[in-house]
C-alpha atoms as a PDB file:
ATOM      1  CA  MET A   1     -64.501 171.106  -4.175  1.00  0.00           C
ATOM      2  CA  ALA A   2     -62.256 172.579  -6.711  1.00  0.00           C
ATOM      3  CA  THR A   3     -58.555 172.729  -6.283  1.00  0.00           C
ATOM      4  CA  PHE A   4     -57.027 175.859  -7.801  1.00  0.00           C
ATOM      5  CA  SER A   5     -53.351 175.687  -9.118  1.00  0.00           C
ATOM      6  CA  ILE A   6     -51.082 177.878 -10.856  1.00  0.00           C
ATOM      7  CA  THR A   7     -49.259 177.359 -14.592  1.00  0.00           C
ATOM      8  CA  GLY A   8     -45.951 177.154 -13.066  1.00  0.00           C
ATOM      9  CA  ALA A   9     -46.307 177.164  -9.348  1.00  0.00           C
ATOM     10  CA  GLY A  10     -43.318 174.358  -7.958  1.00  0.00           C
ATOM     11  CA  SER A  11     -41.206 174.357 -10.979  1.00  0.00           C
ATOM     12  CA  SER A  12     -37.999 173.292 -10.613  1.00  0.00           C
ATOM     13  CA  GLY A  13     -36.648 176.079 -13.013  1.00  0.00           C
ATOM     14  CA  TYR A  14     -36.870 180.148 -13.275  1.00  0.00           C
ATOM     15  CA  PRO A  15     -38.926 181.665 -16.198  1.00  0.00           C
ATOM     16  CA  ALA A  16     -37.367 183.909 -18.117  1.00  0.00           C
ATOM     17  CA  ASN A  17     -39.362 186.958 -17.678  1.00  0.00           C
ATOM     18  CA  TYR A  18     -39.060 187.282 -13.796  1.00  0.00           C
ATOM     19  CA  PRO A  19     -37.378 190.520 -12.159  1.00  0.00           C
ATOM     20  CA  ASN A  20     -33.360 190.276 -12.967  1.00  0.00           C
ATOM     21  CA  VAL A  21     -30.517 189.838 -10.134  1.00  0.00           C
ATOM     22  CA  LYS A  22     -28.184 191.690 -10.963  1.00  0.00           C
ATOM     23  CA  VAL A  23     -24.268 191.515  -8.859  1.00  0.00           C
ATOM     24  CA  MET A  24     -22.781 194.713  -9.819  1.00  0.00           C
ATOM     25  CA  ARG A  25     -19.029 195.922  -8.678  1.00  0.00           C
ATOM     26  CA  GLN A  26     -16.965 199.123  -9.285  1.00  0.00           C
ATOM     27  CA  VAL A  27     -12.943 199.139  -7.803  1.00  0.00           C
ATOM     28  CA  ILE A  28     -12.639 203.155  -7.086  1.00  0.00           C
ATOM     29  CA  ASP A  29      -9.108 203.869  -6.174  1.00  0.00           C
ATOM     30  CA  PHE A  30      -9.126 207.214  -4.463  1.00  0.00           C
ATOM     31  CA  THR A  31      -5.649 207.457  -5.054  1.00  0.00           C
ATOM     32  CA  LYS A  32      -5.781 207.979  -8.347  1.00  0.00           C
ATOM     33  CA  PHE A  33      -7.640 211.642  -7.501  1.00  0.00           C
ATOM     34  CA  THR A  34      -8.539 214.125  -4.769  1.00  0.00           C
ATOM     35  CA  VAL A  35     -11.047 214.658  -2.425  1.00  0.00           C
ATOM     36  CA  ALA A  36     -12.179 215.896   1.042  1.00  0.00           C
ATOM     37  CA  SER A  37     -14.551 215.505   3.807  1.00  0.00           C
ATOM     38  CA  GLY A  38     -18.599 215.734   1.901  1.00  0.00           C
ATOM     39  CA  ASP A  39     -17.441 214.543  -1.643  1.00  0.00           C
ATOM     40  CA  VAL A  40     -19.802 212.302  -2.969  1.00  0.00           C
ATOM     41  CA  ILE A  41     -18.865 209.536  -5.396  1.00  0.00           C
ATOM     42  CA  ASN A  42     -21.863 208.341  -7.258  1.00  0.00           C
ATOM     43  CA  VAL A  43     -21.531 204.640  -7.631  1.00  0.00           C
ATOM     44  CA  PHE A  44     -24.163 203.198  -9.554  1.00  0.00           C
ATOM     45  CA  SER A  45     -27.249 204.498 -11.066  1.00  0.00           C
ATOM     46  CA  PHE A  46     -30.513 202.723  -9.899  1.00  0.00           C
ATOM     47  CA  PRO A  47     -33.290 203.430 -12.228  1.00  0.00           C
ATOM     48  CA  ALA A  48     -37.260 203.225 -10.575  1.00  0.00           C
ATOM     49  CA  GLY A  49     -38.739 200.464  -9.412  1.00  0.00           C
ATOM     50  CA  THR A  50     -34.831 198.594  -8.221  1.00  0.00           C
ATOM     51  CA  MET A  51     -34.990 196.370  -5.364  1.00  0.00           C
ATOM     52  CA  LEU A  52     -31.510 196.443  -3.836  1.00  0.00           C
ATOM     53  CA  LEU A  53     -30.475 193.260  -2.048  1.00  0.00           C
ATOM     54  CA  GLY A  54     -27.225 193.976  -0.486  1.00  0.00           C
ATOM     55  CA  THR A  55     -24.399 196.229  -0.652  1.00  0.00           C
ATOM     56  CA  GLY A  56     -20.949 196.092   1.341  1.00  0.00           C
ATOM     57  CA  TYR A  57     -17.498 197.546  -0.015  1.00  0.00           C
ATOM     58  CA  GLU A  58     -14.401 195.726   0.732  1.00  0.00           C
ATOM     59  CA  ILE A  59     -11.039 198.036   1.093  1.00  0.00           C
ATOM     60  CA  LEU A  60      -8.407 196.806  -1.021  1.00  0.00           C
ATOM     61  CA  THR A  61      -5.280 198.355  -0.368  1.00  0.00           C
ATOM     62  CA  VAL A  62      -5.647 200.797   3.035  1.00  0.00           C
ATOM     63  CA  GLY A  63      -4.805 204.044   3.498  1.00  0.00           C
ATOM     64  CA  THR A  64      -1.991 205.767   5.594  1.00  0.00           C
ATOM     65  CA  GLY A  65      -4.842 209.051   6.792  1.00  0.00           C
ATOM     66  CA  SER A  66      -7.781 209.293   9.462  1.00  0.00           C
ATOM     67  CA  GLY A  67     -10.061 209.211   6.349  1.00  0.00           C
ATOM     68  CA  THR A  68     -13.952 207.550   6.927  1.00  0.00           C
ATOM     69  CA  LEU A  69     -16.196 206.840   4.256  1.00  0.00           C
ATOM     70  CA  GLU A  70     -20.022 205.923   4.284  1.00  0.00           C
ATOM     71  CA  LEU A  71     -22.271 203.825   1.937  1.00  0.00           C
ATOM     72  CA  GLY A  72     -26.056 204.831   1.012  1.00  0.00           C
ATOM     73  CA  ASP A  73     -27.913 206.717  -1.523  1.00  0.00           C
ATOM     74  CA  GLY A  74     -29.202 210.305  -2.207  1.00  0.00           C
ATOM     75  CA  GLY A  75     -31.285 210.412   0.878  1.00  0.00           C
ATOM     76  CA  ASP A  76     -29.420 209.065   3.711  1.00  0.00           C
ATOM     77  CA  PRO A  77     -25.294 209.220   3.332  1.00  0.00           C
ATOM     78  CA  ASN A  78     -25.091 206.651   5.666  1.00  0.00           C
ATOM     79  CA  ARG A  79     -28.268 204.477   5.391  1.00  0.00           C
ATOM     80  CA  PHE A  80     -25.852 200.965   4.426  1.00  0.00           C
ATOM     81  CA  VAL A  81     -22.018 202.021   5.921  1.00  0.00           C
ATOM     82  CA  ASP A  82     -21.692 204.006   8.404  1.00  0.00           C
ATOM     83  CA  THR A  83     -18.048 205.914   8.958  1.00  0.00           C
ATOM     84  CA  VAL A  84     -15.698 203.452   8.829  1.00  0.00           C
ATOM     85  CA  ASN A  85     -11.901 204.906   9.074  1.00  0.00           C
ATOM     86  CA  GLN A  86     -10.249 203.027   5.638  1.00  0.00           C
ATOM     87  CA  GLN A  87      -7.272 201.752   7.560  1.00  0.00           C
ATOM     88  CA  ALA A  88      -8.336 198.326   8.423  1.00  0.00           C
ATOM     89  CA  ALA A  89      -8.553 195.753   5.019  1.00  0.00           C
ATOM     90  CA  GLY A  90     -11.612 194.030   4.873  1.00  0.00           C
ATOM     91  CA  GLN A  91     -15.512 193.760   4.231  1.00  0.00           C
ATOM     92  CA  LYS A  92     -17.989 196.897   5.410  1.00  0.00           C
ATOM     93  CA  THR A  93     -21.657 195.133   4.821  1.00  0.00           C
ATOM     94  CA  ALA A  94     -24.599 196.660   5.298  1.00  0.00           C
ATOM     95  CA  LEU A  95     -26.381 196.185   8.205  1.00  0.00           C
ATOM     96  CA  ILE A  96     -29.138 194.177   8.158  1.00  0.00           C
ATOM     97  CA  ALA A  97     -31.619 196.254   9.272  1.00  0.00           C
ATOM     98  CA  ALA A  98     -31.483 198.221   5.627  1.00  0.00           C
ATOM     99  CA  MET A  99     -32.122 195.122   3.810  1.00  0.00           C
ATOM    100  CA  PRO A 100     -33.568 194.838   1.614  1.00  0.00           C
ATOM    101  CA  HIS A 101     -34.599 198.397  -0.170  1.00  0.00           C
ATOM    102  CA  PHE A 102     -36.882 199.220  -3.019  1.00  0.00           C
ATOM    103  CA  TYR A 103     -35.790 202.803  -4.862  1.00  0.00           C
ATOM    104  CA  ALA A 104     -39.424 203.573  -5.704  1.00  0.00           C
ATOM    105  CA  THR A 105     -37.713 206.392  -7.785  1.00  0.00           C
ATOM    106  CA  ALA A 106     -34.423 206.661  -9.240  1.00  0.00           C
ATOM    107  CA  ASP A 107     -31.202 207.476  -7.156  1.00  0.00           C
ATOM    108  CA  THR A 108     -28.005 206.711  -6.866  1.00  0.00           C
ATOM    109  CA  LEU A 109     -25.502 203.725  -4.302  1.00  0.00           C
ATOM    110  CA  ASP A 110     -23.011 207.039  -3.115  1.00  0.00           C
ATOM    111  CA  ILE A 111     -19.718 207.173  -1.578  1.00  0.00           C
ATOM    112  CA  THR A 112     -19.480 209.861   0.912  1.00  0.00           C
ATOM    113  CA  VAL A 113     -16.344 211.146   2.417  1.00  0.00           C
ATOM    114  CA  ALA A 114     -17.433 211.688   6.104  1.00  0.00           C
ATOM    115  CA  THR A 115     -14.069 212.912   7.495  1.00  0.00           C
ATOM    116  CA  ALA A 116     -10.605 213.790   6.076  1.00  0.00           C
ATOM    117  CA  THR A 117      -9.054 213.092   3.142  1.00  0.00           C
ATOM    118  CA  VAL A 118      -9.247 209.733   2.080  1.00  0.00           C
ATOM    119  CA  ASN A 119      -6.691 208.079   0.195  1.00  0.00           C
ATOM    120  CA  SER A 120      -7.698 203.852   0.151  1.00  0.00           C
ATOM    121  CA  LYS A 121      -8.825 201.710  -2.419  1.00  0.00           C
ATOM    122  CA  ILE A 122     -11.763 199.860  -2.131  1.00  0.00           C
ATOM    123  CA  ASN A 123     -14.512 197.479  -3.887  1.00  0.00           C
ATOM    124  CA  VAL A 124     -17.742 198.856  -4.164  1.00  0.00           C
ATOM    125  CA  TRP A 125     -20.567 195.551  -4.573  1.00  0.00           C
ATOM    126  CA  ALA A 126     -24.577 195.690  -4.540  1.00  0.00           C
ATOM    127  CA  ILE A 127     -26.578 193.159  -6.078  1.00  0.00           C
ATOM    128  CA  ILE A 128     -29.858 194.478  -7.528  1.00  0.00           C
ATOM    129  CA  ALA A 129     -33.400 193.139  -8.763  1.00  0.00           C
ATOM    130  CA  ASP A 130     -34.990 194.776 -11.814  1.00  0.00           C
ATOM    131  CA  CYS A 131     -38.248 194.887 -11.128  1.00  0.00           C
ATOM    132  CA  ASN A 132     -39.463 196.895 -13.921  1.00  0.00           C
ATOM    133  CA  ASN A 133     -41.786 195.003 -15.851  1.00  0.00           C
ATOM    134  CA  VAL A 134     -41.913 192.303 -15.046  1.00  0.00           C
ATOM    135  CA  GLU A 135     -44.691 190.576 -16.730  1.00  0.00           C
ATOM    136  CA  SER A 136     -45.603 187.000 -15.968  1.00  0.00           C
ATOM    137  CA  GLU A 137     -48.756 184.919 -17.687  1.00  0.00           C
ATOM    138  CA  GLN A 138     -50.047 182.845 -15.500  1.00  0.00           C
ATOM    139  CA  PHE A 139     -52.924 179.803 -16.317  1.00  0.00           C
ATOM    140  CA  VAL A 140     -55.413 178.445 -13.386  1.00  0.00           C
ATOM    141  CA  THR A 141     -56.290 175.396 -14.097  1.00  0.00           C
ATOM    142  CA  PHE A 142     -59.669 173.485 -13.329  1.00  0.00           C
ATOM    143  CA  ALA A 143     -60.116 170.369 -11.774  1.00  0.00           C
END
């Protein structure tokens, strides 16, 4: 019986040509501009072939109004975080059921003003893997 092994299988490092994982973040201060219900803020743009591994936002400064925010994309404005009041500080992370999410076509990660004016300050974050042009040469060795 022959044994087939793939060079690099079980290695302790990651080859440089594997997908590149990044943590992106953007602070949005809603006191610097006026928004209304239905307004959309494109936070990050993703090219086709992007795997979104996790996302969410943290309320850094609470708002004084009754406004709410959603976190989603062009296909679903509340795909990741649904209608959160901005009067309580802390992390607002995506539902586990929504992760990971693969973008076969280019899209954006968006904050949508769901209801009323918002005057909070938030830190939006996303963990992405670029799955484009991944070339990994593997060699089969016969033993």
